[in-house]
Protein backbone atom coordinates (compact mmCIF):
# COMPACT_ATOMS: atom_id res chain seq x y z
CA MET A 1 -29.52 -35.83 31.84
CA ARG A 2 -25.95 -36.27 32.97
CA THR A 3 -24.18 -39.72 32.55
CA LEU A 4 -21.65 -40.66 35.30
CA LYS A 5 -19.22 -43.58 35.20
CA LEU A 6 -18.88 -46.25 37.83
CA THR A 7 -16.25 -48.64 38.55
CA LEU A 8 -16.88 -50.93 40.84
CA SER A 9 -16.25 -54.48 42.46
CA TYR A 10 -18.39 -57.22 43.23
CA ASP A 11 -18.70 -60.98 44.48
CA GLY A 12 -21.05 -62.32 41.62
CA THR A 13 -21.63 -65.74 43.99
CA ASP A 14 -25.39 -65.36 44.52
CA TYR A 15 -26.15 -63.29 41.42
CA VAL A 16 -27.30 -64.65 37.45
CA GLY A 17 -24.37 -62.43 36.33
CA TRP A 18 -24.47 -58.96 35.12
CA GLN A 19 -27.24 -58.57 32.72
CA ARG A 20 -30.52 -57.79 34.00
CA GLN A 21 -32.90 -61.31 33.66
CA ASP A 22 -36.30 -61.61 35.11
CA ASP A 23 -35.46 -65.35 36.46
CA GLY A 24 -32.65 -64.16 38.73
CA ARG A 25 -31.30 -61.42 41.00
CA SER A 26 -28.51 -59.61 38.77
CA ILE A 27 -25.79 -57.23 39.35
CA GLN A 28 -27.21 -54.53 36.89
CA GLY A 29 -30.93 -54.92 38.00
CA GLU A 30 -29.41 -54.58 41.92
CA LEU A 31 -27.56 -51.63 40.98
CA GLU A 32 -30.60 -50.20 38.90
CA ARG A 33 -32.97 -50.93 41.89
CA ALA A 34 -30.53 -49.17 44.72
CA LEU A 35 -29.62 -46.05 42.73
CA ALA A 36 -33.29 -45.50 41.85
CA GLU A 37 -34.22 -45.73 45.36
CA ILE A 38 -31.36 -43.15 46.09
CA GLU A 39 -32.29 -41.03 43.35
CA GLY A 40 -36.27 -41.52 43.43
CA ARG A 41 -36.37 -41.56 39.63
CA PRO A 42 -35.76 -44.72 37.51
CA VAL A 43 -31.40 -45.24 36.50
CA THR A 44 -30.22 -47.00 33.48
CA VAL A 45 -26.72 -48.66 34.52
CA ASN A 46 -24.96 -49.92 31.04
CA GLY A 47 -21.82 -52.33 31.93
CA ALA A 48 -18.75 -52.18 29.58
CA GLY A 49 -18.48 -55.70 29.75
CA ARG A 50 -20.58 -58.83 31.34
CA THR A 51 -19.72 -61.78 33.87
CA ASP A 52 -21.44 -65.01 33.76
CA ALA A 53 -23.71 -66.53 37.27
CA GLY A 54 -21.21 -66.78 39.93
CA VAL A 55 -18.10 -64.75 38.75
CA HIS A 56 -16.48 -61.88 40.56
CA ALA A 57 -15.40 -58.40 39.25
CA LEU A 58 -12.46 -56.43 39.84
CA GLY A 59 -12.93 -52.96 38.40
CA GLN A 60 -16.01 -53.30 36.22
CA VAL A 61 -16.92 -50.09 34.21
CA ALA A 62 -20.43 -48.80 33.93
CA SER A 63 -22.13 -45.69 32.68
CA VAL A 64 -25.10 -44.50 35.34
CA ARG A 65 -27.97 -42.33 33.53
């Protein structure tokens, strides 16, 4: 399985933060959901760092598998 590097920026205003959580919308969770829909298979996204609720990012790095 191939691992890809993803560099992204986002407005975290309406999110509970980077990390996937059962009780809210997270950046990681939304990325995994969208990429899984495109790929037609489960996708794992691991961030090199995390942001808290409402925090924005510029140049966040993650691996996609």
